[in-house]
Protein backbone atom coordinates (compact mmCIF):
# COMPACT_ATOMS: atom_id res chain seq x y z
CA MET A 1 -7.78 18.40 -26.88
CA VAL A 2 -7.70 14.66 -27.45
CA THR A 3 -3.98 14.60 -26.67
CA GLN A 4 -4.50 16.57 -23.45
CA ALA A 5 -7.28 14.21 -22.36
CA MET A 6 -5.10 11.19 -23.13
CA VAL A 7 -2.22 12.60 -21.05
CA ARG A 8 -4.53 13.40 -18.14
CA GLU A 9 -5.96 9.89 -18.32
CA GLY A 10 -2.55 8.23 -18.63
CA ILE A 11 -0.49 9.87 -15.91
CA LYS A 12 -0.64 9.53 -12.15
CA TRP A 13 1.36 10.66 -9.15
CA ARG A 14 4.04 8.55 -7.53
CA VAL A 15 4.09 9.37 -3.82
CA GLY A 16 7.29 10.86 -2.40
CA ASN A 17 6.47 13.37 0.32
CA GLY A 18 2.84 13.77 -0.77
CA ARG A 19 2.97 17.57 -0.63
CA ASN A 20 1.87 18.04 -4.25
CA ILE A 21 -0.91 15.45 -4.35
CA ARG A 22 -4.53 16.15 -3.46
CA VAL A 23 -6.10 13.16 -1.73
CA TRP A 24 -9.58 13.31 -3.29
CA VAL A 25 -8.76 14.96 -6.62
CA ASP A 26 -5.57 13.53 -8.09
CA ARG A 27 -4.70 10.11 -9.45
CA TRP A 28 -2.19 8.58 -7.01
CA LEU A 29 -3.31 5.12 -5.87
CA PRO A 30 -1.16 2.29 -7.30
CA SER A 31 -4.19 0.21 -8.34
CA GLY A 32 -7.77 0.63 -9.49
CA PRO A 33 -9.20 1.70 -12.86
CA THR A 34 -9.07 5.42 -12.05
CA HIS A 35 -6.20 5.49 -9.51
CA ARG A 36 -8.36 7.90 -7.50
CA VAL A 37 -9.67 7.57 -3.96
CA ALA A 38 -13.24 6.28 -3.78
CA SER A 39 -13.75 6.74 -0.05
CA PRO A 40 -16.17 9.59 0.70
CA ARG A 41 -14.68 12.85 1.92
CA LEU A 42 -16.41 13.05 5.28
CA PHE A 43 -15.14 16.29 6.79
CA LEU A 44 -11.72 17.27 5.43
CA HIS A 45 -11.03 20.06 2.95
CA PRO A 46 -11.35 18.95 -0.70
CA ASN A 47 -7.74 20.00 -1.34
CA THR A 48 -6.30 18.01 1.58
CA LEU A 49 -2.82 16.82 0.60
CA VAL A 50 -1.44 13.29 0.79
CA GLY A 51 1.51 14.73 2.72
CA GLU A 52 -0.83 15.30 5.67
CA LEU A 53 -1.30 11.52 5.88
CA ILE A 54 2.46 10.92 6.19
CA ASP A 55 4.66 11.16 9.26
CA GLN A 56 7.35 13.16 7.47
CA GLU A 57 9.92 12.73 10.23
CA ASN A 58 9.78 8.92 10.32
CA ALA A 59 8.71 8.29 6.69
CA ARG A 60 5.62 6.33 7.72
CA TRP A 61 1.93 6.50 7.00
CA LYS A 62 -0.14 7.86 9.88
CA LEU A 63 -2.15 4.70 10.51
CA ASP A 64 -4.38 6.35 13.09
CA VAL A 65 -5.34 8.95 10.45
CA LEU A 66 -5.90 6.51 7.57
CA ALA A 67 -8.27 4.15 9.39
CA PRO A 68 -11.18 6.58 9.98
CA LEU A 69 -10.82 8.32 6.60
CA PHE A 70 -10.72 5.47 4.09
CA LEU A 71 -12.63 2.34 3.25
CA PRO A 72 -10.78 -0.76 4.53
CA TYR A 73 -9.58 -1.90 1.12
CA GLU A 74 -8.28 1.59 0.27
CA ASP A 75 -6.62 1.84 3.67
CA ASP A 76 -4.72 -1.34 2.75
CA ILE A 77 -3.81 0.03 -0.69
CA ILE A 78 -2.44 3.27 0.75
CA GLN A 79 -0.43 1.48 3.43
CA SER A 80 1.06 -0.73 0.71
CA ILE A 81 2.69 2.31 -0.91
CA PRO A 82 6.32 2.21 0.30
CA LEU A 83 7.84 5.46 1.55
CA SER A 84 11.54 6.20 1.24
CA SER A 85 13.33 7.53 4.30
CA ARG A 86 14.61 10.33 2.06
CA ILE A 87 11.05 11.65 1.62
CA PRO A 88 11.75 12.77 -1.97
CA GLU A 89 9.52 15.00 -4.08
CA ASP A 90 6.43 13.53 -5.70
CA ASN A 91 6.67 12.86 -9.41
CA LEU A 92 4.33 12.09 -12.27
CA VAL A 93 4.58 8.74 -14.07
CA TRP A 94 2.82 7.13 -16.99
CA ALA A 95 0.30 4.76 -15.41
CA GLU A 96 -0.64 2.79 -18.52
CA SER A 97 2.49 0.62 -18.83
CA PRO A 98 3.99 -1.83 -16.30
CA ASN A 99 7.33 0.02 -16.07
CA ARG A 100 5.57 3.41 -15.80
CA LYS A 101 7.40 4.70 -18.88
CA PHE A 102 5.60 6.23 -21.84
CA ASN A 103 5.45 4.22 -25.05
CA VAL A 104 3.41 4.50 -28.23
CA ARG A 105 1.56 1.23 -27.74
CA SER A 106 0.18 2.17 -24.31
CA ALA A 107 -0.66 5.68 -25.55
CA TYR A 108 -2.63 4.20 -28.44
CA ALA A 109 -4.51 1.89 -26.07
CA THR A 110 -5.35 4.85 -23.81
CA ALA A 111 -6.55 6.95 -26.75
CA THR A 112 -8.69 4.06 -28.00
CA ARG A 113 -10.25 3.59 -24.58
CA LEU A 114 -11.04 7.29 -24.37
CA SER A 115 -12.75 7.23 -27.74
CA LEU A 116 -14.90 4.28 -26.64
CA HIS A 117 -15.54 5.58 -23.10
CA PRO A 118 -15.18 9.38 -23.28
CA HIS A 119 -16.28 9.86 -19.66
CA ARG A 120 -14.14 7.16 -18.16
CA GLY A 121 -11.89 8.35 -15.38
CA ALA A 122 -13.89 11.53 -14.77
CA SER A 123 -14.70 12.11 -11.14
CA SER A 124 -18.32 12.56 -10.17
CA ASP A 125 -20.31 13.42 -7.10
CA LEU A 126 -22.61 10.91 -5.46
CA GLY A 127 -25.64 10.94 -7.74
CA LEU A 128 -28.29 8.27 -7.46
CA GLY A 129 -30.34 8.99 -10.58
CA TRP A 130 -29.89 5.41 -11.78
CA LEU A 131 -31.72 4.23 -8.69
CA GLU A 132 -35.00 5.52 -10.09
CA VAL A 133 -35.18 2.25 -12.01
CA GLU A 134 -33.42 0.10 -9.46
CA THR A 135 -34.43 1.11 -5.94
CA THR A 136 -31.94 2.00 -3.24
CA LYS A 137 -33.32 -0.88 -1.21
CA HIS A 138 -32.43 -3.41 -3.89
CA ALA A 139 -29.09 -1.84 -4.89
CA PHE A 140 -27.77 -1.44 -1.35
CA LEU A 141 -29.57 -4.10 0.66
CA THR A 142 -31.38 -6.95 -1.05
CA CYS A 143 -29.54 -7.74 -4.28
CA PRO A 144 -27.35 -10.88 -3.98
CA ARG A 145 -24.05 -8.96 -4.27
CA ALA A 146 -25.05 -6.43 -1.60
CA ARG A 147 -26.13 -9.24 0.73
CA LYS A 148 -22.69 -10.88 0.42
CA VAL A 149 -20.97 -7.58 1.17
CA TRP A 150 -23.03 -6.98 4.31
CA ALA A 151 -22.52 -10.57 5.46
CA CYS A 152 -18.73 -10.19 5.17
CA SER A 153 -18.84 -6.84 6.98
CA LYS A 154 -20.51 -8.48 10.02
CA ILE A 155 -22.71 -5.38 10.42
CA VAL A 156 -26.00 -6.33 12.07
CA PHE A 157 -29.02 -4.31 10.95
CA PRO A 158 -31.86 -3.51 13.36
CA SER A 159 -34.94 -5.70 13.20
CA GLY A 160 -37.35 -4.86 10.41
CA ALA A 161 -34.63 -3.31 8.21
CA LEU A 162 -35.56 -5.33 5.12
CA SER A 163 -39.22 -4.39 5.41
CA LEU A 164 -38.43 -0.71 4.88
CA SER A 165 -39.05 0.79 1.48
CA SER A 166 -35.62 2.37 0.87
CA PHE A 167 -32.05 2.61 2.08
CA TYR A 168 -32.73 6.16 3.21
CA ASP A 169 -35.51 4.90 5.47
CA LEU A 170 -33.03 2.47 7.02
CA ILE A 171 -30.59 5.29 7.87
CA TRP A 172 -33.44 7.35 9.32
CA LYS A 173 -34.60 4.42 11.43
CA MET A 174 -31.11 3.73 12.74
CA LEU A 175 -30.44 7.37 13.66
CA MET A 176 -33.80 8.69 14.80
CA MET A 177 -35.79 5.70 16.01
CA ASP A 178 -33.25 3.11 17.19
CA GLN A 179 -30.63 5.71 18.16
CA VAL A 180 -27.84 3.52 16.84
CA ASP A 181 -24.28 4.70 17.54
CA VAL A 182 -23.19 7.29 14.96
CA ASP A 183 -19.96 5.43 14.18
CA ARG A 184 -21.93 2.31 13.28
CA VAL A 185 -24.23 4.31 11.00
CA ALA A 186 -21.17 5.89 9.38
CA ARG A 187 -19.83 2.41 8.61
CA VAL A 188 -23.12 1.49 6.95
CA VAL A 189 -23.13 4.64 4.80
CA THR A 190 -19.45 4.22 3.87
CA LEU A 191 -19.95 0.62 2.82
CA ALA A 192 -22.99 1.58 0.76
CA TRP A 193 -20.82 4.18 -0.96
CA ALA A 194 -18.25 1.48 -1.74
CA ILE A 195 -20.93 -0.75 -3.28
CA TRP A 196 -22.11 2.15 -5.45
CA HIS A 197 -18.56 3.07 -6.47
CA ASN A 198 -17.67 -0.47 -7.49
CA ARG A 199 -20.85 -0.62 -9.56
CA ASN A 200 -19.56 2.38 -11.53
CA GLU A 201 -16.08 0.84 -11.75
CA VAL A 202 -17.55 -2.32 -13.29
CA ARG A 203 -19.33 -0.20 -15.88
CA GLN A 204 -15.92 1.23 -16.79
CA GLY A 205 -14.34 -2.19 -17.23
CA ALA A 206 -12.98 -2.95 -13.76
CA GLN A 207 -13.49 -6.22 -11.90
CA ARG A 208 -16.45 -6.71 -9.61
CA LYS A 209 -15.38 -6.86 -5.96
CA THR A 210 -16.45 -9.73 -3.74
CA GLY A 211 -17.65 -9.30 -0.19
CA ASN A 212 -14.20 -9.97 1.26
CA ASP A 213 -12.65 -7.22 -0.89
CA TYR A 214 -14.39 -4.63 1.27
CA ARG A 215 -12.76 -5.87 4.45
CA SER A 216 -9.35 -5.12 5.90
CA LYS A 217 -6.93 -7.93 5.14
CA ASP A 218 -5.54 -10.15 7.88
CA GLY A 219 -1.80 -10.52 8.33
CA ARG A 220 -1.21 -6.80 7.96
CA ILE A 221 2.01 -6.62 9.91
CA VAL A 222 5.36 -7.25 8.23
CA GLY A 223 8.81 -6.96 9.72
CA VAL A 224 12.39 -6.69 8.50
CA GLY A 225 15.61 -8.12 9.90
CA VAL A 226 19.23 -7.00 9.44
CA ILE A 227 22.45 -8.78 10.45
CA VAL A 228 25.87 -7.10 10.29
CA ARG A 229 28.85 -9.47 9.99
CA ASP A 230 32.56 -8.86 9.75
CA GLU A 231 34.78 -10.27 6.99
CA LEU A 232 34.99 -13.62 8.86
CA GLY A 233 31.21 -13.95 9.11
CA ARG A 234 31.02 -13.12 12.82
CA VAL A 235 27.95 -11.20 13.94
CA GLU A 236 28.77 -7.63 14.97
CA ALA A 237 25.23 -6.29 15.26
CA ALA A 238 21.62 -7.14 14.47
CA MET A 239 18.38 -5.26 14.13
CA CYS A 240 14.72 -5.92 13.47
CA ARG A 241 11.87 -3.50 12.86
CA ASN A 242 8.10 -3.87 12.80
CA LEU A 243 6.84 -1.99 9.73
CA ASN A 244 3.17 -2.49 10.66
CA THR A 245 2.29 -2.18 6.99
CA PRO A 246 0.74 -4.65 4.49
CA LEU A 247 3.63 -4.69 2.03
CA GLY A 248 4.28 -7.38 -0.56
CA ALA A 249 7.51 -9.38 -0.72
CA ILE A 250 9.55 -7.12 -2.97
CA LYS A 251 8.39 -3.96 -1.18
CA THR A 252 9.31 -5.48 2.17
CA GLU A 253 12.73 -6.52 0.88
CA SER A 254 13.41 -3.02 -0.46
CA MET A 255 12.50 -1.53 2.91
CA ALA A 256 14.79 -4.08 4.61
CA ILE A 257 17.74 -3.06 2.43
CA GLU A 258 17.15 0.61 3.17
CA ALA A 259 16.81 -0.12 6.90
CA GLY A 260 20.06 -2.10 6.77
CA LEU A 261 21.95 0.78 5.17
CA LEU A 262 20.66 3.26 7.73
CA PHE A 263 21.53 0.88 10.57
CA ALA A 264 25.06 0.39 9.23
CA LYS A 265 25.45 4.15 9.00
CA ASP A 266 24.23 4.61 12.57
CA ILE A 267 26.81 2.18 13.97
CA GLY A 268 29.64 3.73 11.97
CA ILE A 269 30.30 1.17 9.22
CA GLN A 270 31.52 2.69 5.94
CA ASP A 271 32.59 -0.29 3.81
CA ILE A 272 29.78 -2.81 3.35
CA MET A 273 28.41 -5.55 1.16
CA VAL A 274 24.61 -5.78 1.21
CA GLU A 275 23.20 -9.27 0.62
CA SER A 276 19.59 -9.80 -0.43
CA ASP A 277 17.64 -12.80 -1.70
CA SER A 278 15.74 -10.60 -4.18
CA LEU A 279 17.55 -10.93 -7.51
CA ILE A 280 15.36 -8.22 -9.05
CA LEU A 281 16.35 -5.68 -6.42
CA VAL A 282 20.03 -6.59 -6.55
CA LYS A 283 20.06 -6.16 -10.33
CA ALA A 284 18.18 -2.86 -10.02
CA LEU A 285 20.63 -1.56 -7.41
CA ASN A 286 23.57 -2.61 -9.58
CA GLY A 287 22.08 -0.76 -12.55
CA THR A 288 21.45 -3.80 -14.75
CA PHE A 289 17.67 -3.91 -14.41
CA VAL A 290 14.90 -1.31 -14.30
CA PRO A 291 13.32 -1.46 -10.82
CA PRO A 292 9.61 -2.26 -10.58
CA SER A 293 7.54 0.91 -10.36
CA ALA A 294 6.19 -0.06 -6.94
CA VAL A 295 9.65 0.21 -5.35
CA SER A 296 11.44 2.65 -7.64
CA ILE A 297 11.35 5.48 -5.10
CA VAL A 298 12.79 3.23 -2.37
CA VAL A 299 15.47 1.92 -4.77
CA GLN A 300 16.48 5.49 -5.62
CA GLY A 301 16.57 6.27 -1.90
CA ILE A 302 18.90 3.32 -1.29
CA LEU A 303 21.24 4.49 -4.06
CA ASP A 304 21.25 8.01 -2.63
CA HIS A 305 22.04 6.69 0.86
CA SER A 306 24.87 4.63 -0.65
CA LEU A 307 26.70 7.82 -1.62
CA SER A 308 27.39 8.56 2.05
CA PHE A 309 29.45 5.34 2.42
CA TYR A 310 33.06 4.73 1.42
CA ARG A 311 32.01 1.63 -0.52
CA VAL A 312 28.76 -0.28 -0.97
CA GLU A 313 28.25 -3.47 -2.97
CA PHE A 314 24.98 -5.28 -3.57
CA SER A 315 25.08 -9.07 -3.81
CA HIS A 316 22.44 -11.74 -4.35
CA VAL A 317 22.17 -14.67 -1.95
CA LYS A 318 19.74 -17.57 -2.12
CA ARG A 319 16.90 -17.54 0.37
CA GLN A 320 18.40 -20.54 2.19
CA GLY A 321 21.53 -18.49 2.84
CA ASN A 322 19.49 -15.62 4.24
CA ARG A 323 17.60 -17.63 6.88
CA PRO A 324 18.89 -15.71 9.97
CA THR A 325 17.52 -12.41 8.70
CA HIS A 326 14.12 -14.02 8.09
CA VAL A 327 14.11 -15.28 11.67
CA LEU A 328 14.78 -11.71 12.79
CA ALA A 329 12.01 -10.41 10.55
CA LYS A 330 9.60 -12.90 12.10
CA HIS A 331 10.69 -11.79 15.57
CA ALA A 332 9.86 -8.21 14.56
CA LEU A 333 6.18 -9.16 14.49
CA SER A 334 6.22 -9.50 18.28
CA ILE A 335 7.66 -6.05 19.00
CA VAL A 336 6.14 -2.60 18.75
CA ASP A 337 8.74 -0.77 16.67
CA PHE A 338 12.50 -1.38 16.67
CA ILE A 339 15.16 -3.32 18.58
CA ALA A 340 18.92 -3.64 18.01
CA TRP A 341 21.76 -5.76 19.39
CA ILE A 342 25.33 -4.41 19.30
CA GLU A 343 28.25 -6.81 19.77
CA GLU A 344 25.89 -9.56 20.91
CA VAL A 345 23.76 -12.25 19.33
CA PRO A 346 20.03 -12.48 20.11
CA CYS A 347 19.48 -15.70 22.06
CA PHE A 348 16.65 -16.84 19.77
CA LEU A 349 19.01 -16.54 16.78
CA GLU A 350 21.95 -18.61 18.03
CA GLN A 351 20.82 -22.01 16.70
CA THR A 352 19.92 -20.55 13.30
CA LEU A 353 23.35 -18.92 13.03
CA ILE A 354 25.10 -22.20 13.96
CA HIS A 355 23.09 -24.04 11.30
CA ASP A 356 23.85 -21.24 8.81
CA VAL A 357 27.62 -21.55 9.38
CA THR A 358 27.47 -25.35 9.21
CA SER A 359 25.56 -25.22 5.92
CA GLN A 360 28.20 -22.93 4.41
CA VAL A 361 31.05 -25.21 5.53
CA PHE A 362 29.51 -28.31 3.93
CA HIS A 363 28.11 -26.54 0.87
């Protein structure tokens, strides 16, 4: 029984197509002490699948579906999960080690934690029994941490809110007396849930969130750029795509490599050398380094796509030598989705390409 509990506590799902993962039941988020969704299930079925949140045809998260369902910080976390264009099957990984591979040391640490905190990781319904000692008014409204959260949320409470005796009275006042818009009340209730959930997370050893952690992050949009050159370095085609997703650097680079392969395939190129300024990804694609767990599905997708080419090589180039693609990626932020240039050079890229060639000549 102890071994079964340890395995349940230690494994989580890695998202492929999401068709085997239950949104509000299973462990599938890449971060957090439980790897489970904390956002309240407002109206969907308890066994709703992650696959229903994914545009299976375009391998993208359905942003218009995520926003109303999840707390802002969890919306960001979900969007940060990269999706491979292959849409592979979901798989289970060991969540207690950085490389997501089982080892005795991490298993021992998990077993020890379970023995010290036997109820850690167990899901629970919203119960407020602990508020009998600490009132809902103090926990959700007047304690210093709650005040900071509300201040960062920019939600304005109706006059007299702090004079009420409980949080429940506030919700009643907003709905029945002040007739506040239902969406605004829903935001208040959802944020209160997040405060309560983080309180329980802290009790289980997680970090306490600040007010800003409950807000959506700025700078959400990232873009990728691809340049196709012939053997003499002349530009044959270029492409940039707006991913509209808050990915980190290595995730963005992995998506750029995959986008480049698909673009090359679309324009009929079969013998290619892929250059990237991410040494980790290049080593992973060449089989000399284990890819980070966060991008392993995308890396496997790139390798699978490579099989459809006559020849594919992966080469590392310093960031200075990859400047034109970064200019394209920046340009992607100003477009809605995707734009390509065939047998022409984008006008905004000409000076960068001239400087790039000059730098190589005098290097």
